[in-house]
Amino acid sequence: MAESKSDELVQGEVSNELIVGHGPGLIHRFVNFAFNAINSEMNDFFQENCPKFEQDYEDYTKQGETLEQYACFQEYRERLETSLSKFCETENFDDEEECMAEIQRLVKEDLERHKEQMQKMMEAIQKAQKRAMKAIRKAQRAEEGGGDVESSESEEDGEEEKGGEDGGSSAPMMIFFSPTTLEQLVEMVMNLGEYQTFSMMMRMKVQQQRVMKLLMEARAQGAFGGIGESKMPELEDGKEEEKGGEEKVEVDKVEVEIDDEDDFMFSESL
């Protein structure tokens, strides 16, 4: 009987370790897995469905999204959910619900830790700022040949304390960048499942394809200094300079033009 109880305890400890043992690295693996699915596994899907999003700006503003585009989104979302299921299996979770519960737990712990770290960082910066201000004022008084330095410093300390109590501190505003939280990483992945994010990605890919097509056409015409895909005809004797000059003029005329609609779509995607 004692052995069976001890076995149950050991099994319970092992199962708890499997759940609790997923540290912050779980979320980083989750993010990497999601973006790998988007950038690699779904690349063929995006290429096949790009034509559905080749929509003129005027049509887009008047008619909005199409049913065909939304149906494409539904298929995209199913693929995302399939990828999430694969990730849960890889990480030895029973189902997606258990995986998301663990991710939420890690996010909550990270937010508390992040808040504490930011508070300590702010206090350290404020102290360093005060020391720097004191050193500057002390150096200024020394240059001006001021009186009693110690009494001046004590007066300044009193003024700083009074200013802090009244909320009238004259210290300059501090700006510092905080590290990315796990919550922000998870939100990035969650946004991938939103229609607006999907629509923006598809329209961005359409614009990229258009630009690449224009660049390839320009390259074929020799816009980048080459002679293009077609072989340059042989020049007759005595007319090399003349025809060469004409060829150069034609090359210089090649331009890559993007209409106003494309410009808008780029600004829209960014």
C-alpha atoms as a PDB file:
ATOM      1  CA  MET A   1       0.000   0.000   0.000  1.00  0.00           C
ATOM      2  CA  ALA A   2       2.840   2.330   0.925  1.00  0.00           C
ATOM      3  CA  GLU A   3       4.578   1.545  -2.340  1.00  0.00           C
ATOM      4  CA  SER A   4       1.506   2.393  -4.400  1.00  0.00           C
ATOM      5  CA  LYS A   5       1.130   5.736  -2.601  1.00  0.00           C
ATOM      6  CA  SER A   6       4.776   6.554  -3.145  1.00  0.00           C
ATOM      7  CA  ASP A   7       4.404   5.628  -6.818  1.00  0.00           C
ATOM      8  CA  GLU A   8       1.419   7.971  -7.111  1.00  0.00           C
ATOM      9  CA  LEU A   9       3.397  10.773  -5.490  1.00  0.00           C
ATOM     10  CA  VAL A  10       6.315  10.229  -7.848  1.00  0.00           C
ATOM     11  CA  GLN A  11       4.016  10.193 -10.869  1.00  0.00           C
ATOM     12  CA  GLY A  12       2.323  13.348  -9.613  1.00  0.00           C
ATOM     13  CA  GLU A  13       5.675  15.073  -9.211  1.00  0.00           C
ATOM     14  CA  VAL A  14       6.746  14.029 -12.702  1.00  0.00           C
ATOM     15  CA  SER A  15       3.521  15.275 -14.293  1.00  0.00           C
ATOM     16  CA  ASN A  16       3.817  18.569 -12.407  1.00  0.00           C
ATOM     17  CA  GLU A  17       7.396  18.921 -13.610  1.00  0.00           C
ATOM     18  CA  LEU A  18       6.240  18.446 -17.192  1.00  0.00           C
ATOM     19  CA  ILE A  19       3.817  21.347 -16.771  1.00  0.00           C
ATOM     20  CA  VAL A  20       5.840  23.662 -14.544  1.00  0.00           C
ATOM     21  CA  GLY A  21       9.081  22.783 -16.309  1.00  0.00           C
ATOM     22  CA  HIS A  22       8.090  24.817 -19.368  1.00  0.00           C
ATOM     23  CA  GLY A  23       9.964  28.040 -18.708  1.00  0.00           C
ATOM     24  CA  PRO A  24       9.933  31.268 -20.747  1.00  0.00           C
ATOM     25  CA  GLY A  25      11.640  29.289 -23.507  1.00  0.00           C
ATOM     26  CA  LEU A  26       8.241  27.752 -24.284  1.00  0.00           C
ATOM     27  CA  ILE A  27       6.921  31.101 -25.504  1.00  0.00           C
ATOM     28  CA  HIS A  28      10.014  31.769 -27.607  1.00  0.00           C
ATOM     29  CA  ARG A  29       9.629  28.349 -29.221  1.00  0.00           C
ATOM     30  CA  PHE A  30       5.942  29.095 -29.748  1.00  0.00           C
ATOM     31  CA  VAL A  31       6.731  32.369 -31.536  1.00  0.00           C
ATOM     32  CA  ASN A  32       9.452  30.781 -33.685  1.00  0.00           C
ATOM     33  CA  PHE A  33       7.164  27.900 -34.606  1.00  0.00           C
ATOM     34  CA  ALA A  34       4.329  30.243 -35.636  1.00  0.00           C
ATOM     35  CA  PHE A  35       6.493  32.491 -37.804  1.00  0.00           C
ATOM     36  CA  ASN A  36       8.231  29.517 -39.384  1.00  0.00           C
ATOM     37  CA  ALA A  37       4.807  28.207 -40.370  1.00  0.00           C
ATOM     38  CA  ILE A  38       3.946  31.588 -41.910  1.00  0.00           C
ATOM     39  CA  ASN A  39       7.234  32.163 -43.718  1.00  0.00           C
ATOM     40  CA  SER A  40       8.023  28.623 -44.867  1.00  0.00           C
ATOM     41  CA  GLU A  41       5.225  26.082 -44.630  1.00  0.00           C
ATOM     42  CA  MET A  42       2.513  28.424 -45.962  1.00  0.00           C
ATOM     43  CA  ASN A  43       4.587  30.061 -48.671  1.00  0.00           C
ATOM     44  CA  ASP A  44       2.972  28.017 -51.468  1.00  0.00           C
ATOM     45  CA  PHE A  45      -0.469  28.819 -50.077  1.00  0.00           C
ATOM     46  CA  PHE A  46       0.280  32.550 -50.160  1.00  0.00           C
ATOM     47  CA  GLN A  47       1.633  32.397 -53.705  1.00  0.00           C
ATOM     48  CA  GLU A  48      -1.418  30.507 -54.967  1.00  0.00           C
ATOM     49  CA  ASN A  49      -3.882  32.935 -53.384  1.00  0.00           C
ATOM     50  CA  CYS A  50      -2.141  36.231 -54.121  1.00  0.00           C
ATOM     51  CA  PRO A  51      -4.211  36.781 -57.321  1.00  0.00           C
ATOM     52  CA  LYS A  52      -7.350  36.947 -55.154  1.00  0.00           C
ATOM     53  CA  PHE A  53      -5.976  40.091 -53.527  1.00  0.00           C
ATOM     54  CA  GLU A  54      -4.950  41.895 -56.714  1.00  0.00           C
ATOM     55  CA  GLN A  55      -7.616  44.504 -56.115  1.00  0.00           C
ATOM     56  CA  ASP A  56      -7.550  48.065 -57.422  1.00  0.00           C
ATOM     57  CA  TYR A  57      -7.512  50.782 -54.793  1.00  0.00           C
ATOM     58  CA  GLU A  58     -10.755  52.323 -56.067  1.00  0.00           C
ATOM     59  CA  ASP A  59     -12.505  48.969 -55.980  1.00  0.00           C
ATOM     60  CA  TYR A  60     -11.091  48.247 -52.532  1.00  0.00           C
ATOM     61  CA  THR A  61     -12.298  51.561 -51.062  1.00  0.00           C
ATOM     62  CA  LYS A  62     -15.767  51.268 -52.610  1.00  0.00           C
ATOM     63  CA  GLN A  63     -16.463  47.537 -52.409  1.00  0.00           C
ATOM     64  CA  GLY A  64     -14.181  46.537 -49.533  1.00  0.00           C
ATOM     65  CA  GLU A  65     -13.110  42.950 -48.959  1.00  0.00           C
ATOM     66  CA  THR A  66     -14.566  40.193 -51.117  1.00  0.00           C
ATOM     67  CA  LEU A  67     -16.165  36.906 -50.077  1.00  0.00           C
ATOM     68  CA  GLU A  68     -13.436  35.058 -51.956  1.00  0.00           C
ATOM     69  CA  GLN A  69     -10.797  36.817 -49.862  1.00  0.00           C
ATOM     70  CA  TYR A  70     -12.580  35.950 -46.633  1.00  0.00           C
ATOM     71  CA  ALA A  71     -12.892  32.310 -47.699  1.00  0.00           C
ATOM     72  CA  CYS A  72      -9.142  32.338 -48.279  1.00  0.00           C
ATOM     73  CA  PHE A  73      -8.692  33.659 -44.745  1.00  0.00           C
ATOM     74  CA  GLN A  74     -10.762  30.797 -43.332  1.00  0.00           C
ATOM     75  CA  GLU A  75      -8.454  28.270 -44.989  1.00  0.00           C
ATOM     76  CA  TYR A  76      -5.431  30.199 -43.710  1.00  0.00           C
ATOM     77  CA  ARG A  77      -6.785  30.099 -40.175  1.00  0.00           C
ATOM     78  CA  GLU A  78      -7.385  26.351 -40.371  1.00  0.00           C
ATOM     79  CA  ARG A  79      -3.753  25.898 -41.374  1.00  0.00           C
ATOM     80  CA  LEU A  80      -2.671  28.017 -38.404  1.00  0.00           C
ATOM     81  CA  GLU A  81      -4.745  25.906 -36.024  1.00  0.00           C
ATOM     82  CA  THR A  82      -3.209  22.753 -37.477  1.00  0.00           C
ATOM     83  CA  SER A  83       0.249  24.200 -36.855  1.00  0.00           C
ATOM     84  CA  LEU A  84      -0.730  25.017 -33.264  1.00  0.00           C
ATOM     85  CA  SER A  85      -1.844  21.414 -32.741  1.00  0.00           C
ATOM     86  CA  LYS A  86       1.525  20.193 -34.029  1.00  0.00           C
ATOM     87  CA  PHE A  87       3.308  22.527 -31.627  1.00  0.00           C
ATOM     88  CA  CYS A  88       1.280  21.229 -28.667  1.00  0.00           C
ATOM     89  CA  GLU A  89       2.173  17.659 -29.580  1.00  0.00           C
ATOM     90  CA  THR A  90       5.843  18.577 -29.905  1.00  0.00           C
ATOM     91  CA  GLU A  91       5.794  20.154 -26.437  1.00  0.00           C
ATOM     92  CA  ASN A  92       3.996  17.113 -24.905  1.00  0.00           C
ATOM     93  CA  PHE A  93       0.749  18.902 -24.035  1.00  0.00           C
ATOM     94  CA  ASP A  94      -2.507  16.959 -23.998  1.00  0.00           C
ATOM     95  CA  ASP A  95      -4.359  19.606 -26.010  1.00  0.00           C
ATOM     96  CA  GLU A  96      -4.298  23.252 -27.114  1.00  0.00           C
ATOM     97  CA  GLU A  97      -6.179  24.385 -24.019  1.00  0.00           C
ATOM     98  CA  GLU A  98      -3.495  23.054 -21.692  1.00  0.00           C
ATOM     99  CA  CYS A  99      -0.788  24.672 -23.822  1.00  0.00           C
ATOM    100  CA  MET A 100      -2.475  28.089 -23.793  1.00  0.00           C
ATOM    101  CA  ALA A 101      -3.067  27.860 -20.033  1.00  0.00           C
ATOM    102  CA  GLU A 102       0.656  27.323 -19.504  1.00  0.00           C
ATOM    103  CA  ILE A 103       1.488  30.206 -21.842  1.00  0.00           C
ATOM    104  CA  GLN A 104      -0.881  32.500 -19.920  1.00  0.00           C
ATOM    105  CA  ARG A 105       0.733  31.454 -16.644  1.00  0.00           C
ATOM    106  CA  LEU A 106       4.193  32.273 -17.981  1.00  0.00           C
ATOM    107  CA  VAL A 107       2.967  35.621 -19.314  1.00  0.00           C
ATOM    108  CA  LYS A 108       1.506  36.559 -15.929  1.00  0.00           C
ATOM    109  CA  GLU A 109       4.725  35.666 -14.105  1.00  0.00           C
ATOM    110  CA  ASP A 110       6.789  37.605 -16.626  1.00  0.00           C
ATOM    111  CA  LEU A 111       4.602  40.723 -16.282  1.00  0.00           C
ATOM    112  CA  GLU A 112       5.073  40.754 -12.512  1.00  0.00           C
ATOM    113  CA  ARG A 113       8.817  40.259 -12.884  1.00  0.00           C
ATOM    114  CA  HIS A 114       8.987  42.889 -15.628  1.00  0.00           C
ATOM    115  CA  LYS A 115       7.131  45.445 -13.492  1.00  0.00           C
ATOM    116  CA  GLU A 116       9.519  44.893 -10.593  1.00  0.00           C
ATOM    117  CA  GLN A 117      12.573  45.185 -12.857  1.00  0.00           C
ATOM    118  CA  MET A 118      11.306  48.409 -14.416  1.00  0.00           C
ATOM    119  CA  GLN A 119      10.694  49.919 -10.974  1.00  0.00           C
ATOM    120  CA  LYS A 120      14.227  49.088  -9.864  1.00  0.00           C
ATOM    121  CA  MET A 121      15.649  50.430 -13.104  1.00  0.00           C
ATOM    122  CA  MET A 122      13.748  53.693 -12.757  1.00  0.00           C
ATOM    123  CA  GLU A 123      14.902  54.179  -9.177  1.00  0.00           C
ATOM    124  CA  ALA A 124      18.518  53.518 -10.187  1.00  0.00           C
ATOM    125  CA  ILE A 125      18.279  56.003 -13.065  1.00  0.00           C
ATOM    126  CA  GLN A 126      16.747  58.660 -10.820  1.00  0.00           C
ATOM    127  CA  LYS A 127      19.560  58.263  -8.285  1.00  0.00           C
ATOM    128  CA  ALA A 128      22.198  58.445 -11.003  1.00  0.00           C
ATOM    129  CA  GLN A 129      20.489  61.515 -12.406  1.00  0.00           C
ATOM    130  CA  LYS A 130      20.532  63.271  -9.040  1.00  0.00           C
ATOM    131  CA  ARG A 131      24.212  62.468  -8.554  1.00  0.00           C
ATOM    132  CA  ALA A 132      25.003  63.833 -12.003  1.00  0.00           C
ATOM    133  CA  MET A 133      23.064  67.061 -11.349  1.00  0.00           C
ATOM    134  CA  LYS A 134      24.857  67.557  -8.030  1.00  0.00           C
ATOM    135  CA  ALA A 135      28.241  67.022  -9.668  1.00  0.00           C
ATOM    136  CA  ILE A 136      27.414  69.572 -12.372  1.00  0.00           C
ATOM    137  CA  ARG A 137      26.278  72.212  -9.867  1.00  0.00           C
ATOM    138  CA  LYS A 138      29.309  71.561  -7.686  1.00  0.00           C
ATOM    139  CA  ALA A 139      31.623  72.042 -10.668  1.00  0.00           C
ATOM    140  CA  GLN A 140      29.820  75.258 -11.592  1.00  0.00           C
ATOM    141  CA  ARG A 141      30.206  76.670  -8.068  1.00  0.00           C
ATOM    142  CA  ALA A 142      33.884  75.744  -8.050  1.00  0.00           C
ATOM    143  CA  GLU A 143      34.425  77.632 -11.314  1.00  0.00           C
ATOM    144  CA  GLU A 144      32.532  80.655  -9.996  1.00  0.00           C
ATOM    145  CA  GLY A 145      34.478  80.560  -6.721  1.00  0.00           C
ATOM    146  CA  GLY A 146      31.386  80.008  -4.601  1.00  0.00           C
ATOM    147  CA  GLY A 147      31.308  80.010  -0.803  1.00  0.00           C
ATOM    148  CA  ASP A 148      30.703  77.088   1.498  1.00  0.00           C
ATOM    149  CA  VAL A 149      30.184  74.036  -0.722  1.00  0.00           C
ATOM    150  CA  GLU A 150      28.814  71.802   2.054  1.00  0.00           C
ATOM    151  CA  SER A 151      26.159  74.297   3.146  1.00  0.00           C
ATOM    152  CA  SER A 152      25.130  74.826  -0.476  1.00  0.00           C
ATOM    153  CA  GLU A 153      24.777  71.086  -0.997  1.00  0.00           C
ATOM    154  CA  SER A 154      22.659  70.701   2.151  1.00  0.00           C
ATOM    155  CA  GLU A 155      20.400  73.523   0.988  1.00  0.00           C
ATOM    156  CA  GLU A 156      20.023  71.845  -2.415  1.00  0.00           C
ATOM    157  CA  ASP A 157      19.183  68.529  -0.762  1.00  0.00           C
ATOM    158  CA  GLY A 158      16.479  70.254   1.251  1.00  0.00           C
ATOM    159  CA  GLU A 159      15.090  71.920  -1.855  1.00  0.00           C
ATOM    160  CA  GLU A 160      15.059  68.597  -3.723  1.00  0.00           C
ATOM    161  CA  GLU A 161      13.160  66.881  -0.910  1.00  0.00           C
ATOM    162  CA  LYS A 162      10.690  69.744  -0.720  1.00  0.00           C
ATOM    163  CA  GLY A 163      10.271  69.741  -4.473  1.00  0.00           C
ATOM    164  CA  GLY A 164       9.654  65.994  -4.445  1.00  0.00           C
ATOM    165  CA  GLU A 165       6.971  66.334  -1.757  1.00  0.00           C
ATOM    166  CA  ASP A 166       5.219  69.131  -3.633  1.00  0.00           C
ATOM    167  CA  GLY A 167       5.496  67.248  -6.918  1.00  0.00           C
ATOM    168  CA  GLY A 168       7.406  70.147  -8.424  1.00  0.00           C
ATOM    169  CA  SER A 169      10.663  68.413  -9.241  1.00  0.00           C
ATOM    170  CA  SER A 170      12.592  70.172 -11.984  1.00  0.00           C
ATOM    171  CA  ALA A 171      14.561  67.090 -13.047  1.00  0.00           C
ATOM    172  CA  PRO A 172      14.483  66.495 -16.811  1.00  0.00           C
ATOM    173  CA  MET A 173      12.207  63.818 -18.222  1.00  0.00           C
ATOM    174  CA  MET A 174      13.704  60.341 -18.492  1.00  0.00           C
ATOM    175  CA  ILE A 175      13.234  58.075 -21.488  1.00  0.00           C
ATOM    176  CA  PHE A 176      14.491  54.501 -21.527  1.00  0.00           C
ATOM    177  CA  PHE A 177      13.563  51.427 -23.507  1.00  0.00           C
ATOM    178  CA  SER A 178      12.172  48.460 -21.628  1.00  0.00           C
ATOM    179  CA  PRO A 179      12.814  44.899 -22.821  1.00  0.00           C
ATOM    180  CA  THR A 180      10.126  43.097 -24.802  1.00  0.00           C
ATOM    181  CA  THR A 181       7.721  41.211 -22.557  1.00  0.00           C
ATOM    182  CA  LEU A 182       6.449  37.704 -23.179  1.00  0.00           C
ATOM    183  CA  GLU A 183       2.966  39.193 -23.430  1.00  0.00           C
ATOM    184  CA  GLN A 184       4.040  41.281 -26.430  1.00  0.00           C
ATOM    185  CA  LEU A 185       5.500  38.207 -28.139  1.00  0.00           C
ATOM    186  CA  VAL A 186       2.301  36.220 -27.614  1.00  0.00           C
ATOM    187  CA  GLU A 187       0.202  39.130 -28.899  1.00  0.00           C
ATOM    188  CA  MET A 188       2.258  39.122 -32.110  1.00  0.00           C
ATOM    189  CA  VAL A 189       1.347  35.481 -32.693  1.00  0.00           C
ATOM    190  CA  MET A 190      -2.307  36.005 -31.763  1.00  0.00           C
ATOM    191  CA  ASN A 191      -2.546  38.877 -34.245  1.00  0.00           C
ATOM    192  CA  LEU A 192      -1.571  36.471 -37.022  1.00  0.00           C
ATOM    193  CA  GLY A 193      -5.016  34.910 -36.652  1.00  0.00           C
ATOM    194  CA  GLU A 194      -6.834  38.225 -37.248  1.00  0.00           C
ATOM    195  CA  TYR A 195      -8.340  38.949 -40.649  1.00  0.00           C
ATOM    196  CA  GLN A 196      -6.868  42.465 -40.880  1.00  0.00           C
ATOM    197  CA  THR A 197      -3.372  41.071 -40.338  1.00  0.00           C
ATOM    198  CA  PHE A 198      -3.913  38.387 -42.965  1.00  0.00           C
ATOM    199  CA  SER A 199      -5.346  40.874 -45.480  1.00  0.00           C
ATOM    200  CA  MET A 200      -2.409  43.230 -44.968  1.00  0.00           C
ATOM    201  CA  MET A 201       0.091  40.394 -45.464  1.00  0.00           C
ATOM    202  CA  MET A 202      -1.562  39.275 -48.696  1.00  0.00           C
ATOM    203  CA  ARG A 203      -1.766  42.790 -50.151  1.00  0.00           C
ATOM    204  CA  MET A 204       1.853  43.364 -49.204  1.00  0.00           C
ATOM    205  CA  LYS A 205       2.844  40.208 -51.071  1.00  0.00           C
ATOM    206  CA  VAL A 206       0.876  41.416 -54.113  1.00  0.00           C
ATOM    207  CA  GLN A 207       2.824  44.684 -54.062  1.00  0.00           C
ATOM    208  CA  GLN A 208       6.111  42.809 -53.713  1.00  0.00           C
ATOM    209  CA  GLN A 209       5.273  40.678 -56.739  1.00  0.00           C
ATOM    210  CA  ARG A 210       4.412  43.788 -58.778  1.00  0.00           C
ATOM    211  CA  VAL A 211       7.670  45.484 -57.885  1.00  0.00           C
ATOM    212  CA  MET A 212       9.682  42.350 -58.635  1.00  0.00           C
ATOM    213  CA  LYS A 213       7.955  42.076 -62.013  1.00  0.00           C
ATOM    214  CA  LEU A 214       8.794  45.708 -62.820  1.00  0.00           C
ATOM    215  CA  LEU A 215      12.403  45.212 -61.759  1.00  0.00           C
ATOM    216  CA  MET A 216      12.758  42.072 -63.863  1.00  0.00           C
ATOM    217  CA  GLU A 217      11.307  43.862 -66.890  1.00  0.00           C
ATOM    218  CA  ALA A 218      13.665  46.787 -66.348  1.00  0.00           C
ATOM    219  CA  ARG A 219      16.591  44.406 -65.993  1.00  0.00           C
ATOM    220  CA  ALA A 220      15.615  42.656 -69.234  1.00  0.00           C
ATOM    221  CA  GLN A 221      15.750  46.031 -70.999  1.00  0.00           C
ATOM    222  CA  GLY A 222      19.182  46.786 -69.535  1.00  0.00           C
ATOM    223  CA  ALA A 223      18.122  49.432 -67.029  1.00  0.00           C
ATOM    224  CA  PHE A 224      20.865  48.332 -64.627  1.00  0.00           C
ATOM    225  CA  GLY A 225      23.744  48.576 -67.103  1.00  0.00           C
ATOM    226  CA  GLY A 226      23.408  45.110 -68.662  1.00  0.00           C
ATOM    227  CA  ILE A 227      22.363  44.268 -72.189  1.00  0.00           C
ATOM    228  CA  GLY A 228      19.276  42.393 -71.068  1.00  0.00           C
ATOM    229  CA  GLU A 229      18.080  38.956 -71.979  1.00  0.00           C
ATOM    230  CA  SER A 230      18.115  39.459 -75.765  1.00  0.00           C
ATOM    231  CA  LYS A 231      21.408  39.454 -77.596  1.00  0.00           C
ATOM    232  CA  MET A 232      22.547  42.876 -78.818  1.00  0.00           C
ATOM    233  CA  PRO A 233      22.660  43.011 -82.644  1.00  0.00           C
ATOM    234  CA  GLU A 234      26.047  43.243 -84.304  1.00  0.00           C
ATOM    235  CA  LEU A 235      27.049  46.767 -85.327  1.00  0.00           C
ATOM    236  CA  GLU A 236      28.266  47.679 -88.764  1.00  0.00           C
ATOM    237  CA  ASP A 237      31.733  49.114 -89.262  1.00  0.00           C
ATOM    238  CA  GLY A 238      31.897  52.870 -88.925  1.00  0.00           C
ATOM    239  CA  LYS A 239      28.545  53.055 -87.125  1.00  0.00           C
ATOM    240  CA  GLU A 240      29.565  51.660 -83.781  1.00  0.00           C
ATOM    241  CA  GLU A 241      29.708  55.005 -82.029  1.00  0.00           C
ATOM    242  CA  GLU A 242      26.438  56.222 -83.484  1.00  0.00           C
ATOM    243  CA  LYS A 243      24.470  53.070 -82.744  1.00  0.00           C
ATOM    244  CA  GLY A 244      26.155  52.660 -79.415  1.00  0.00           C
ATOM    245  CA  GLY A 245      25.045  56.158 -78.489  1.00  0.00           C
ATOM    246  CA  GLU A 246      21.504  55.426 -79.624  1.00  0.00           C
ATOM    247  CA  GLU A 247      21.483  52.230 -77.593  1.00  0.00           C
ATOM    248  CA  LYS A 248      22.608  54.162 -74.557  1.00  0.00           C
ATOM    249  CA  VAL A 249      19.841  56.712 -75.023  1.00  0.00           C
ATOM    250  CA  GLU A 250      17.260  53.933 -75.191  1.00  0.00           C
ATOM    251  CA  VAL A 251      18.633  52.359 -72.037  1.00  0.00           C
ATOM    252  CA  ASP A 252      18.542  55.664 -70.224  1.00  0.00           C
ATOM    253  CA  LYS A 253      14.872  56.026 -71.100  1.00  0.00           C
ATOM    254  CA  VAL A 254      13.922  52.887 -69.200  1.00  0.00           C
ATOM    255  CA  GLU A 255      12.071  53.825 -66.043  1.00  0.00           C
ATOM    256  CA  VAL A 256      10.334  51.856 -63.339  1.00  0.00           C
ATOM    257  CA  GLU A 257       6.993  53.500 -62.770  1.00  0.00           C
ATOM    258  CA  ILE A 258       4.574  52.686 -59.982  1.00  0.00           C
ATOM    259  CA  ASP A 259       1.109  54.160 -60.197  1.00  0.00           C
ATOM    260  CA  ASP A 260      -0.551  56.092 -57.382  1.00  0.00           C
ATOM    261  CA  GLU A 261      -2.548  53.057 -56.359  1.00  0.00           C
ATOM    262  CA  ASP A 262       0.623  51.063 -55.714  1.00  0.00           C
ATOM    263  CA  ASP A 263       2.088  53.948 -53.738  1.00  0.00           C
ATOM    264  CA  PHE A 264      -0.997  53.975 -51.557  1.00  0.00           C
ATOM    265  CA  MET A 265      -0.875  50.258 -51.008  1.00  0.00           C
ATOM    266  CA  PHE A 266       2.738  50.475 -49.894  1.00  0.00           C
ATOM    267  CA  SER A 267       1.923  53.175 -47.385  1.00  0.00           C
ATOM    268  CA  GLU A 268      -1.069  51.112 -46.331  1.00  0.00           C
ATOM    269  CA  SER A 269       1.026  47.999 -45.743  1.00  0.00           C
ATOM    270  CA  LEU A 270       3.655  49.848 -43.755  1.00  0.00           C
END
